[in-house]
Amino acid sequence: MDINYYELLITQGTVFRTKELNDQGISGYKIIKLVQEGVIVKVYQGVYSIGDINKLEIRDINVIVENGIVSLKSAAYYYKLIDGEELKIEITLDRDHKPPKLPYDIFCYYYTSSKFYDIGLNVIDQNGRKIQIYDKERTVCDIIRHRSKYDSNEVREIVNNYLIGKDKDIDKLLTYATELRIRSAVERYIEVLGGY
């Protein structure tokens, strides 16, 4: 790949749709040639990677899973509510949406009904790319809702780090908890960890 193309693309992300590559002057023929040369990898129909697909950046996620929302521990890592490194990126989808069939096992999908799907949805911009991610309050609610799937120390760490943070919004947290029907569980965690 021409070094100028590569440098331009890498500032935007490492995964691209055909249209994004075309917009940068890389024709369909050139894309096929670059795949054959091993310069880029076909992730699935119309989506290509110029980096290691197993080391995705958050800005690449909605290129692959258009309707997915970064959630749970992946959102907690983003907000620095927990330390460490995730093995799979956790994504929430509306029950009516199907994830793409990928040859890579890099996502862990959770499904929710459409009435809960938009609660706490935050859209952030990274280098011109829109990323859907749940806000901190929804993240804490979801971690508590799915607490049986995680180590109890991780759950406590995430909730505690949220509660000691300067930008917490307990009213919003409890509003979400009520809407998501987990208010009593959220209140127990707040009480035990001293968030009131």
N, C-alpha and C. Protein backbone atom coordinates (compact mmCIF):
# COMPACT_ATOMS: atom_id res chain seq x y z
N MET A 1 0.86 -1.19 0.00
CA MET A 1 0.00 0.00 0.00
C MET A 1 0.89 1.23 0.00
N ASP A 2 0.52 2.18 -0.78
CA ASP A 2 1.25 3.45 -0.81
C ASP A 2 1.32 4.00 0.62
N ILE A 3 2.52 4.42 1.03
CA ILE A 3 2.74 4.89 2.40
C ILE A 3 1.80 6.04 2.77
N ASN A 4 1.48 6.91 1.80
CA ASN A 4 0.57 8.02 2.07
C ASN A 4 -0.84 7.54 2.41
N TYR A 5 -1.32 6.51 1.66
CA TYR A 5 -2.62 5.93 1.97
C TYR A 5 -2.60 5.37 3.39
N TYR A 6 -1.55 4.59 3.66
CA TYR A 6 -1.46 3.91 4.96
C TYR A 6 -1.46 4.91 6.12
N GLU A 7 -0.63 5.94 6.00
CA GLU A 7 -0.55 6.94 7.08
C GLU A 7 -1.88 7.66 7.27
N LEU A 8 -2.57 7.93 6.18
CA LEU A 8 -3.85 8.61 6.27
C LEU A 8 -4.90 7.70 6.92
N LEU A 9 -4.93 6.45 6.50
CA LEU A 9 -5.91 5.51 7.03
C LEU A 9 -5.68 5.22 8.51
N ILE A 10 -4.43 5.00 8.90
CA ILE A 10 -4.12 4.59 10.27
C ILE A 10 -4.51 5.67 11.28
N THR A 11 -4.60 6.93 10.84
CA THR A 11 -5.04 7.98 11.77
C THR A 11 -6.54 7.86 12.04
N GLN A 12 -7.27 7.21 11.13
CA GLN A 12 -8.71 7.06 11.28
C GLN A 12 -9.10 5.76 11.98
N GLY A 13 -8.30 4.73 11.81
CA GLY A 13 -8.60 3.43 12.39
C GLY A 13 -7.79 2.35 11.72
N THR A 14 -8.16 1.10 12.01
CA THR A 14 -7.46 -0.01 11.35
C THR A 14 -8.43 -0.91 10.59
N VAL A 15 -9.73 -0.65 10.71
CA VAL A 15 -10.74 -1.42 9.99
C VAL A 15 -11.57 -0.45 9.16
N PHE A 16 -11.82 -0.84 7.90
CA PHE A 16 -12.49 0.07 6.97
C PHE A 16 -13.52 -0.65 6.12
N ARG A 17 -14.56 0.08 5.78
CA ARG A 17 -15.53 -0.41 4.80
C ARG A 17 -15.01 -0.05 3.40
N THR A 18 -15.49 -0.77 2.42
CA THR A 18 -15.06 -0.54 1.05
C THR A 18 -15.20 0.93 0.66
N LYS A 19 -16.32 1.55 1.04
CA LYS A 19 -16.56 2.95 0.67
C LYS A 19 -15.48 3.87 1.25
N GLU A 20 -15.06 3.61 2.48
CA GLU A 20 -14.02 4.45 3.10
C GLU A 20 -12.71 4.33 2.32
N LEU A 21 -12.39 3.11 1.90
CA LEU A 21 -11.17 2.91 1.11
C LEU A 21 -11.31 3.59 -0.25
N ASN A 22 -12.47 3.43 -0.87
CA ASN A 22 -12.72 4.09 -2.17
C ASN A 22 -12.60 5.61 -2.05
N ASP A 23 -13.12 6.15 -0.94
CA ASP A 23 -13.05 7.61 -0.72
C ASP A 23 -11.61 8.10 -0.60
N GLN A 24 -10.71 7.21 -0.23
CA GLN A 24 -9.29 7.57 -0.13
C GLN A 24 -8.54 7.28 -1.44
N GLY A 25 -9.29 6.94 -2.48
CA GLY A 25 -8.66 6.72 -3.79
C GLY A 25 -8.20 5.29 -4.01
N ILE A 26 -8.61 4.37 -3.14
CA ILE A 26 -8.21 2.96 -3.31
C ILE A 26 -9.38 2.24 -4.00
N SER A 27 -9.18 1.89 -5.26
CA SER A 27 -10.24 1.29 -6.06
C SER A 27 -10.52 -0.15 -5.63
N GLY A 28 -11.65 -0.68 -6.11
CA GLY A 28 -11.98 -2.08 -5.84
C GLY A 28 -10.90 -3.02 -6.32
N TYR A 29 -10.35 -2.74 -7.50
CA TYR A 29 -9.27 -3.57 -8.04
C TYR A 29 -8.05 -3.53 -7.12
N LYS A 30 -7.70 -2.33 -6.64
CA LYS A 30 -6.54 -2.16 -5.75
C LYS A 30 -6.77 -2.88 -4.42
N ILE A 31 -8.02 -2.85 -3.93
CA ILE A 31 -8.34 -3.55 -2.68
C ILE A 31 -8.07 -5.05 -2.85
N ILE A 32 -8.55 -5.62 -3.95
CA ILE A 32 -8.34 -7.05 -4.20
C ILE A 32 -6.85 -7.36 -4.26
N LYS A 33 -6.09 -6.50 -4.93
CA LYS A 33 -4.63 -6.69 -5.05
C LYS A 33 -3.96 -6.62 -3.68
N LEU A 34 -4.39 -5.68 -2.85
CA LEU A 34 -3.80 -5.52 -1.52
C LEU A 34 -4.12 -6.72 -0.63
N VAL A 35 -5.31 -7.31 -0.79
CA VAL A 35 -5.67 -8.52 -0.04
C VAL A 35 -4.78 -9.67 -0.50
N GLN A 36 -4.62 -9.82 -1.83
CA GLN A 36 -3.78 -10.89 -2.38
C GLN A 36 -2.33 -10.77 -1.91
N GLU A 37 -1.86 -9.53 -1.77
CA GLU A 37 -0.48 -9.30 -1.33
C GLU A 37 -0.33 -9.41 0.19
N GLY A 38 -1.45 -9.56 0.89
CA GLY A 38 -1.39 -9.67 2.35
C GLY A 38 -1.20 -8.36 3.08
N VAL A 39 -1.38 -7.24 2.36
CA VAL A 39 -1.21 -5.92 2.96
C VAL A 39 -2.42 -5.58 3.83
N ILE A 40 -3.62 -5.95 3.34
CA ILE A 40 -4.83 -5.80 4.13
C ILE A 40 -5.52 -7.16 4.21
N VAL A 41 -6.39 -7.32 5.19
CA VAL A 41 -7.09 -8.59 5.41
C VAL A 41 -8.58 -8.35 5.26
N LYS A 42 -9.25 -9.25 4.54
CA LYS A 42 -10.70 -9.16 4.42
C LYS A 42 -11.30 -9.72 5.71
N VAL A 43 -12.02 -8.89 6.44
CA VAL A 43 -12.66 -9.31 7.68
C VAL A 43 -13.93 -10.06 7.34
N TYR A 44 -14.77 -9.48 6.52
CA TYR A 44 -15.93 -10.11 5.91
C TYR A 44 -16.35 -9.22 4.75
N GLN A 45 -17.42 -9.56 4.07
CA GLN A 45 -17.81 -8.85 2.86
C GLN A 45 -17.89 -7.34 3.07
N GLY A 46 -17.01 -6.62 2.34
CA GLY A 46 -17.03 -5.16 2.37
C GLY A 46 -16.31 -4.52 3.54
N VAL A 47 -15.62 -5.32 4.37
CA VAL A 47 -14.90 -4.79 5.53
C VAL A 47 -13.49 -5.36 5.52
N TYR A 48 -12.49 -4.46 5.67
CA TYR A 48 -11.08 -4.85 5.58
C TYR A 48 -10.30 -4.27 6.75
N SER A 49 -9.22 -4.97 7.11
CA SER A 49 -8.36 -4.52 8.21
C SER A 49 -6.94 -4.30 7.71
N ILE A 50 -6.31 -3.22 8.20
CA ILE A 50 -4.90 -3.00 7.86
C ILE A 50 -4.01 -3.28 9.07
N GLY A 51 -4.62 -3.83 10.12
CA GLY A 51 -3.86 -4.19 11.32
C GLY A 51 -4.29 -5.56 11.81
N ASP A 52 -3.79 -5.94 12.95
CA ASP A 52 -4.13 -7.22 13.56
C ASP A 52 -5.58 -7.15 14.05
N ILE A 53 -6.44 -7.94 13.45
CA ILE A 53 -7.87 -7.90 13.79
C ILE A 53 -8.12 -8.29 15.24
N ASN A 54 -7.20 -9.02 15.84
CA ASN A 54 -7.35 -9.42 17.24
C ASN A 54 -6.95 -8.31 18.20
N LYS A 55 -6.47 -7.19 17.68
CA LYS A 55 -6.10 -6.04 18.51
C LYS A 55 -6.86 -4.81 18.07
N LEU A 56 -8.17 -4.94 18.07
CA LEU A 56 -9.04 -3.84 17.64
C LEU A 56 -8.97 -2.66 18.59
N GLU A 57 -9.13 -1.50 18.03
CA GLU A 57 -9.28 -0.29 18.84
C GLU A 57 -10.76 0.02 18.91
N ILE A 58 -11.15 0.74 19.95
CA ILE A 58 -12.56 1.06 20.14
C ILE A 58 -13.15 1.79 18.94
N ARG A 59 -12.35 2.59 18.26
CA ARG A 59 -12.86 3.36 17.12
C ARG A 59 -13.21 2.49 15.92
N ASP A 60 -12.78 1.22 15.93
CA ASP A 60 -13.05 0.31 14.81
C ASP A 60 -14.30 -0.54 15.00
N ILE A 61 -14.83 -0.57 16.21
CA ILE A 61 -15.89 -1.52 16.53
C ILE A 61 -17.15 -1.29 15.72
N ASN A 62 -17.61 -0.04 15.59
CA ASN A 62 -18.85 0.20 14.86
C ASN A 62 -18.69 0.09 13.35
N VAL A 63 -17.46 -0.03 12.87
CA VAL A 63 -17.26 -0.33 11.45
C VAL A 63 -17.64 -1.80 11.22
N ILE A 64 -17.33 -2.64 12.20
CA ILE A 64 -17.61 -4.08 12.07
C ILE A 64 -19.04 -4.40 12.50
N VAL A 65 -19.45 -3.90 13.66
CA VAL A 65 -20.79 -4.17 14.20
C VAL A 65 -21.52 -2.83 14.25
N GLU A 66 -22.17 -2.48 13.16
CA GLU A 66 -22.75 -1.14 13.01
C GLU A 66 -23.72 -0.76 14.12
N ASN A 67 -24.56 -1.68 14.55
CA ASN A 67 -25.58 -1.37 15.55
C ASN A 67 -25.15 -1.74 16.97
N GLY A 68 -23.91 -2.16 17.13
CA GLY A 68 -23.44 -2.58 18.44
C GLY A 68 -23.10 -1.41 19.34
N ILE A 69 -23.28 -1.61 20.63
CA ILE A 69 -22.92 -0.60 21.62
C ILE A 69 -21.87 -1.21 22.54
N VAL A 70 -20.74 -0.54 22.67
CA VAL A 70 -19.69 -1.00 23.59
C VAL A 70 -20.29 -0.95 24.99
N SER A 71 -20.16 -2.05 25.72
CA SER A 71 -20.85 -2.14 27.00
C SER A 71 -20.07 -2.97 28.01
N LEU A 72 -20.66 -3.07 29.19
CA LEU A 72 -20.16 -3.90 30.27
C LEU A 72 -18.68 -3.65 30.55
N LYS A 73 -17.87 -4.71 30.66
CA LYS A 73 -16.47 -4.49 31.04
C LYS A 73 -15.69 -3.69 30.01
N SER A 74 -16.05 -3.81 28.74
CA SER A 74 -15.35 -3.03 27.72
C SER A 74 -15.57 -1.54 27.94
N ALA A 75 -16.81 -1.17 28.30
CA ALA A 75 -17.10 0.24 28.62
C ALA A 75 -16.40 0.62 29.92
N ALA A 76 -16.37 -0.29 30.89
CA ALA A 76 -15.69 -0.02 32.16
C ALA A 76 -14.20 0.24 31.94
N TYR A 77 -13.57 -0.51 31.03
CA TYR A 77 -12.16 -0.25 30.70
C TYR A 77 -12.01 1.13 30.07
N TYR A 78 -12.92 1.45 29.17
CA TYR A 78 -12.85 2.75 28.49
C TYR A 78 -12.92 3.89 29.51
N TYR A 79 -13.83 3.77 30.48
CA TYR A 79 -14.01 4.82 31.48
C TYR A 79 -13.01 4.70 32.65
N LYS A 80 -12.09 3.74 32.54
CA LYS A 80 -11.06 3.53 33.58
C LYS A 80 -11.68 3.20 34.94
N LEU A 81 -12.76 2.44 34.91
CA LEU A 81 -13.39 1.97 36.15
C LEU A 81 -12.75 0.67 36.61
N ILE A 82 -11.93 0.08 35.75
CA ILE A 82 -11.22 -1.16 36.08
C ILE A 82 -9.92 -1.19 35.28
N ASP A 83 -8.93 -1.81 35.86
CA ASP A 83 -7.63 -1.97 35.18
C ASP A 83 -7.57 -3.34 34.53
N GLY A 84 -6.60 -3.50 33.67
CA GLY A 84 -6.39 -4.80 33.05
C GLY A 84 -6.63 -4.74 31.56
N GLU A 85 -6.76 -5.92 30.98
CA GLU A 85 -6.94 -6.02 29.54
C GLU A 85 -8.03 -7.04 29.25
N GLU A 86 -8.91 -6.69 28.35
CA GLU A 86 -10.01 -7.60 28.03
C GLU A 86 -9.60 -8.57 26.94
N LEU A 87 -10.18 -9.76 27.00
CA LEU A 87 -9.91 -10.76 25.98
C LEU A 87 -10.86 -10.59 24.80
N LYS A 88 -12.13 -10.32 25.10
CA LYS A 88 -13.12 -10.11 24.05
C LYS A 88 -13.84 -8.80 24.31
N ILE A 89 -14.19 -8.11 23.25
CA ILE A 89 -14.91 -6.85 23.37
C ILE A 89 -16.39 -7.17 23.58
N GLU A 90 -16.96 -6.58 24.63
CA GLU A 90 -18.36 -6.84 24.95
C GLU A 90 -19.25 -5.80 24.27
N ILE A 91 -20.21 -6.30 23.53
CA ILE A 91 -21.09 -5.49 22.70
C ILE A 91 -22.54 -5.83 23.03
N THR A 92 -23.37 -4.80 23.15
CA THR A 92 -24.80 -5.02 23.34
C THR A 92 -25.52 -4.70 22.04
N LEU A 93 -26.43 -5.58 21.67
CA LEU A 93 -27.25 -5.42 20.47
C LEU A 93 -28.72 -5.46 20.84
N ASP A 94 -29.53 -4.78 20.06
CA ASP A 94 -30.97 -4.94 20.15
C ASP A 94 -31.28 -6.39 19.77
N ARG A 95 -32.22 -7.01 20.45
CA ARG A 95 -32.57 -8.41 20.16
C ARG A 95 -32.93 -8.64 18.70
N ASP A 96 -33.43 -7.60 18.04
CA ASP A 96 -33.85 -7.74 16.65
C ASP A 96 -32.68 -7.66 15.65
N HIS A 97 -31.49 -7.29 16.13
CA HIS A 97 -30.32 -7.20 15.24
C HIS A 97 -29.45 -8.45 15.37
N LYS A 98 -28.92 -8.86 14.24
CA LYS A 98 -28.02 -10.01 14.25
C LYS A 98 -26.59 -9.51 14.04
N PRO A 99 -25.64 -10.07 14.77
CA PRO A 99 -24.25 -9.65 14.55
C PRO A 99 -23.72 -10.22 13.23
N PRO A 100 -22.69 -9.61 12.68
CA PRO A 100 -22.11 -10.16 11.45
C PRO A 100 -21.44 -11.50 11.74
N LYS A 101 -21.43 -12.37 10.74
CA LYS A 101 -20.74 -13.65 10.90
C LYS A 101 -19.27 -13.42 10.58
N LEU A 102 -18.47 -13.46 11.61
CA LEU A 102 -17.04 -13.17 11.45
C LEU A 102 -16.22 -14.44 11.56
N PRO A 103 -15.10 -14.48 10.85
CA PRO A 103 -14.19 -15.62 11.01
C PRO A 103 -13.30 -15.46 12.24
N TYR A 104 -13.55 -14.43 13.04
CA TYR A 104 -12.73 -14.13 14.21
C TYR A 104 -13.61 -14.13 15.46
N ASP A 105 -13.08 -14.63 16.55
CA ASP A 105 -13.82 -14.70 17.80
C ASP A 105 -13.35 -13.56 18.71
N ILE A 106 -13.77 -12.33 18.39
CA ILE A 106 -13.25 -11.17 19.12
C ILE A 106 -14.32 -10.43 19.91
N PHE A 107 -15.59 -10.79 19.71
CA PHE A 107 -16.68 -10.11 20.40
C PHE A 107 -17.46 -11.07 21.28
N CYS A 108 -17.99 -10.53 22.36
CA CYS A 108 -18.93 -11.25 23.21
C CYS A 108 -20.22 -10.43 23.15
N TYR A 109 -21.29 -11.03 22.66
CA TYR A 109 -22.52 -10.29 22.44
C TYR A 109 -23.52 -10.47 23.59
N TYR A 110 -24.17 -9.38 23.93
CA TYR A 110 -25.28 -9.38 24.87
C TYR A 110 -26.46 -8.77 24.14
N TYR A 111 -27.65 -9.24 24.45
CA TYR A 111 -28.83 -8.76 23.76
C TYR A 111 -29.80 -8.13 24.75
N THR A 112 -30.48 -7.09 24.30
CA THR A 112 -31.46 -6.43 25.14
C THR A 112 -32.67 -6.07 24.30
N SER A 113 -33.78 -5.84 24.94
CA SER A 113 -34.99 -5.46 24.20
C SER A 113 -34.85 -4.01 23.75
N SER A 114 -35.59 -3.66 22.73
CA SER A 114 -35.48 -2.31 22.17
C SER A 114 -35.84 -1.23 23.19
N LYS A 115 -36.68 -1.52 24.17
CA LYS A 115 -37.06 -0.49 25.15
C LYS A 115 -35.89 -0.15 26.09
N PHE A 116 -34.92 -1.05 26.23
CA PHE A 116 -33.76 -0.80 27.08
C PHE A 116 -32.52 -0.38 26.28
N TYR A 117 -32.54 -0.61 24.97
CA TYR A 117 -31.37 -0.45 24.11
C TYR A 117 -30.75 0.94 24.17
N ASP A 118 -31.57 1.99 24.15
CA ASP A 118 -31.06 3.37 24.08
C ASP A 118 -30.76 4.00 25.44
N ILE A 119 -31.12 3.33 26.53
CA ILE A 119 -30.91 3.92 27.86
C ILE A 119 -29.41 4.08 28.10
N GLY A 120 -28.98 5.32 28.29
CA GLY A 120 -27.56 5.59 28.57
C GLY A 120 -26.65 5.55 27.36
N LEU A 121 -27.23 5.54 26.16
CA LEU A 121 -26.41 5.49 24.95
C LEU A 121 -25.65 6.80 24.78
N ASN A 122 -24.37 6.69 24.58
CA ASN A 122 -23.49 7.83 24.40
C ASN A 122 -22.77 7.63 23.07
N VAL A 123 -22.69 8.67 22.25
CA VAL A 123 -21.95 8.58 20.98
C VAL A 123 -20.75 9.50 21.09
N ILE A 124 -19.57 8.90 21.00
CA ILE A 124 -18.34 9.69 21.10
C ILE A 124 -17.66 9.74 19.74
N ASP A 125 -16.82 10.72 19.57
CA ASP A 125 -16.10 10.90 18.31
C ASP A 125 -14.61 10.69 18.54
N GLN A 126 -14.02 9.79 17.78
CA GLN A 126 -12.58 9.60 17.83
C GLN A 126 -12.05 9.71 16.41
N ASN A 127 -11.33 10.78 16.16
CA ASN A 127 -10.76 11.02 14.83
C ASN A 127 -11.80 10.92 13.72
N GLY A 128 -12.97 11.49 13.97
CA GLY A 128 -14.01 11.50 12.95
C GLY A 128 -14.88 10.27 12.90
N ARG A 129 -14.58 9.28 13.71
CA ARG A 129 -15.39 8.07 13.75
C ARG A 129 -16.34 8.12 14.93
N LYS A 130 -17.59 7.76 14.70
CA LYS A 130 -18.59 7.73 15.76
C LYS A 130 -18.55 6.36 16.43
N ILE A 131 -18.51 6.37 17.75
CA ILE A 131 -18.48 5.14 18.52
C ILE A 131 -19.66 5.15 19.48
N GLN A 132 -20.45 4.09 19.44
CA GLN A 132 -21.57 3.95 20.36
C GLN A 132 -21.09 3.22 21.60
N ILE A 133 -21.32 3.82 22.76
CA ILE A 133 -20.89 3.23 24.02
C ILE A 133 -21.88 3.66 25.10
N TYR A 134 -22.16 2.77 26.04
CA TYR A 134 -23.03 3.16 27.14
C TYR A 134 -22.25 4.07 28.09
N ASP A 135 -22.97 5.04 28.68
CA ASP A 135 -22.32 5.94 29.63
C ASP A 135 -21.98 5.21 30.92
N LYS A 136 -21.31 5.90 31.83
CA LYS A 136 -20.84 5.26 33.07
C LYS A 136 -21.99 4.67 33.88
N GLU A 137 -23.09 5.42 33.99
CA GLU A 137 -24.20 4.95 34.81
C GLU A 137 -24.84 3.68 34.25
N ARG A 138 -25.02 3.63 32.94
CA ARG A 138 -25.57 2.41 32.33
C ARG A 138 -24.57 1.27 32.48
N THR A 139 -23.28 1.57 32.35
CA THR A 139 -22.25 0.55 32.49
C THR A 139 -22.32 -0.08 33.88
N VAL A 140 -22.42 0.75 34.92
CA VAL A 140 -22.51 0.24 36.29
C VAL A 140 -23.76 -0.61 36.46
N CYS A 141 -24.89 -0.13 35.94
CA CYS A 141 -26.14 -0.91 36.03
C CYS A 141 -25.99 -2.27 35.35
N ASP A 142 -25.40 -2.29 34.16
CA ASP A 142 -25.25 -3.55 33.42
C ASP A 142 -24.29 -4.50 34.12
N ILE A 143 -23.22 -3.96 34.70
CA ILE A 143 -22.27 -4.81 35.43
C ILE A 143 -22.99 -5.46 36.62
N ILE A 144 -23.80 -4.69 37.32
CA ILE A 144 -24.54 -5.25 38.45
C ILE A 144 -25.58 -6.26 37.96
N ARG A 145 -26.25 -5.93 36.87
CA ARG A 145 -27.26 -6.86 36.31
C ARG A 145 -26.62 -8.20 35.93
N HIS A 146 -25.43 -8.17 35.35
CA HIS A 146 -24.76 -9.39 34.88
C HIS A 146 -23.66 -9.85 35.85
N ARG A 147 -23.77 -9.46 37.12
CA ARG A 147 -22.71 -9.72 38.11
C ARG A 147 -22.35 -11.20 38.25
N SER A 148 -23.28 -12.09 37.98
CA SER A 148 -22.98 -13.53 38.12
C SER A 148 -21.98 -14.01 37.08
N LYS A 149 -21.78 -13.22 36.01
CA LYS A 149 -20.84 -13.61 34.95
C LYS A 149 -19.42 -13.12 35.22
N TYR A 150 -19.26 -12.32 36.26
CA TYR A 150 -17.95 -11.72 36.56
C TYR A 150 -17.48 -12.11 37.95
N ASP A 151 -16.20 -11.94 38.15
CA ASP A 151 -15.61 -12.12 39.47
C ASP A 151 -16.20 -11.03 40.38
N SER A 152 -16.60 -11.41 41.59
CA SER A 152 -17.25 -10.44 42.50
C SER A 152 -16.33 -9.27 42.85
N ASN A 153 -15.01 -9.52 42.88
CA ASN A 153 -14.07 -8.42 43.17
C ASN A 153 -14.04 -7.41 42.03
N GLU A 154 -14.18 -7.89 40.79
CA GLU A 154 -14.23 -6.97 39.64
C GLU A 154 -15.48 -6.10 39.70
N VAL A 155 -16.60 -6.72 40.04
CA VAL A 155 -17.85 -5.97 40.13
C VAL A 155 -17.72 -4.89 41.19
N ARG A 156 -17.20 -5.26 42.36
CA ARG A 156 -17.03 -4.28 43.44
C ARG A 156 -16.07 -3.17 43.03
N GLU A 157 -14.99 -3.54 42.34
CA GLU A 157 -14.00 -2.54 41.90
C GLU A 157 -14.64 -1.52 40.95
N ILE A 158 -15.42 -2.01 39.99
CA ILE A 158 -16.06 -1.12 39.02
C ILE A 158 -17.04 -0.19 39.72
N VAL A 159 -17.90 -0.75 40.57
CA VAL A 159 -18.90 0.08 41.26
C VAL A 159 -18.22 1.06 42.20
N ASN A 160 -17.22 0.60 42.94
CA ASN A 160 -16.50 1.47 43.89
C ASN A 160 -15.80 2.61 43.15
N ASN A 161 -15.11 2.30 42.05
CA ASN A 161 -14.41 3.35 41.29
C ASN A 161 -15.40 4.36 40.72
N TYR A 162 -16.58 3.89 40.35
CA TYR A 162 -17.61 4.83 39.89
C TYR A 162 -18.02 5.74 41.06
N LEU A 163 -18.29 5.14 42.21
CA LEU A 163 -18.79 5.90 43.36
C LEU A 163 -17.80 6.92 43.90
N ILE A 164 -16.49 6.62 43.80
CA ILE A 164 -15.50 7.59 44.30
C ILE A 164 -15.10 8.61 43.23
N GLY A 165 -15.59 8.43 42.02
CA GLY A 165 -15.27 9.37 40.93
C GLY A 165 -15.96 10.71 41.12
N LYS A 166 -15.32 11.75 40.62
CA LYS A 166 -15.87 13.10 40.76
C LYS A 166 -17.06 13.37 39.87
N ASP A 167 -17.15 12.65 38.75
CA ASP A 167 -18.22 12.94 37.79
C ASP A 167 -19.38 11.94 37.87
N LYS A 168 -19.54 11.30 39.01
CA LYS A 168 -20.67 10.37 39.16
C LYS A 168 -21.98 11.15 39.23
N ASP A 169 -23.06 10.48 38.85
CA ASP A 169 -24.39 11.08 38.90
C ASP A 169 -25.33 10.03 39.48
N ILE A 170 -25.45 10.02 40.81
CA ILE A 170 -26.24 8.99 41.50
C ILE A 170 -27.71 9.05 41.09
N ASP A 171 -28.23 10.26 40.89
CA ASP A 171 -29.63 10.38 40.47
C ASP A 171 -29.86 9.69 39.13
N LYS A 172 -28.94 9.91 38.20
CA LYS A 172 -29.04 9.27 36.88
C LYS A 172 -28.89 7.75 37.02
N LEU A 173 -27.94 7.33 37.85
CA LEU A 173 -27.72 5.90 38.09
C LEU A 173 -29.00 5.24 38.59
N LEU A 174 -29.65 5.86 39.56
CA LEU A 174 -30.87 5.28 40.13
C LEU A 174 -32.05 5.35 39.16
N THR A 175 -32.08 6.39 38.33
CA THR A 175 -33.12 6.48 37.30
C THR A 175 -32.97 5.32 36.32
N TYR A 176 -31.74 5.09 35.85
CA TYR A 176 -31.48 3.97 34.95
C TYR A 176 -31.82 2.65 35.63
N ALA A 177 -31.39 2.51 36.89
CA ALA A 177 -31.63 1.27 37.63
C ALA A 177 -33.12 0.98 37.72
N THR A 178 -33.92 2.02 37.92
CA THR A 178 -35.38 1.86 37.97
C THR A 178 -35.90 1.43 36.61
N GLU A 179 -35.46 2.11 35.54
CA GLU A 179 -35.92 1.78 34.19
C GLU A 179 -35.52 0.36 33.79
N LEU A 180 -34.32 -0.07 34.25
CA LEU A 180 -33.81 -1.40 33.91
C LEU A 180 -34.29 -2.47 34.88
N ARG A 181 -35.06 -2.05 35.89
CA ARG A 181 -35.65 -2.96 36.88
C ARG A 181 -34.62 -3.67 37.75
N ILE A 182 -33.59 -2.94 38.13
CA ILE A 182 -32.58 -3.51 39.03
C ILE A 182 -32.25 -2.53 40.17
N ARG A 183 -33.19 -1.68 40.50
CA ARG A 183 -32.91 -0.63 41.49
C ARG A 183 -32.49 -1.19 42.84
N SER A 184 -33.16 -2.22 43.34
CA SER A 184 -32.82 -2.73 44.67
C SER A 184 -31.39 -3.28 44.70
N ALA A 185 -30.96 -3.95 43.64
CA ALA A 185 -29.59 -4.48 43.59
C ALA A 185 -28.58 -3.34 43.55
N VAL A 186 -28.87 -2.29 42.77
CA VAL A 186 -27.96 -1.14 42.67
C VAL A 186 -27.89 -0.43 44.02
N GLU A 187 -29.02 -0.26 44.66
CA GLU A 187 -29.03 0.41 45.98
C GLU A 187 -28.23 -0.37 47.02
N ARG A 188 -28.29 -1.72 46.96
CA ARG A 188 -27.50 -2.54 47.89
C ARG A 188 -26.02 -2.28 47.72
N TYR A 189 -25.56 -2.24 46.45
CA TYR A 189 -24.15 -1.99 46.19
C TYR A 189 -23.74 -0.58 46.68
N ILE A 190 -24.60 0.39 46.42
CA ILE A 190 -24.29 1.77 46.85
C ILE A 190 -24.18 1.81 48.38
N GLU A 191 -25.12 1.14 49.04
CA GLU A 191 -25.12 1.17 50.51
C GLU A 191 -23.89 0.48 51.08
N VAL A 192 -23.55 -0.69 50.55
CA VAL A 192 -22.38 -1.44 51.04
C VAL A 192 -21.09 -0.69 50.79
N LEU A 193 -20.99 -0.04 49.63
CA LEU A 193 -19.75 0.65 49.27
C LEU A 193 -19.73 2.12 49.69
N GLY A 194 -20.77 2.54 50.37
CA GLY A 194 -20.76 3.89 50.92
C GLY A 194 -20.96 5.01 49.93
N GLY A 195 -21.82 4.79 48.94
CA GLY A 195 -22.03 5.82 47.93
C GLY A 195 -23.07 6.85 48.27
N TYR A 196 -23.80 6.67 49.37
CA TYR A 196 -24.82 7.66 49.75
C TYR A 196 -24.24 8.68 50.69
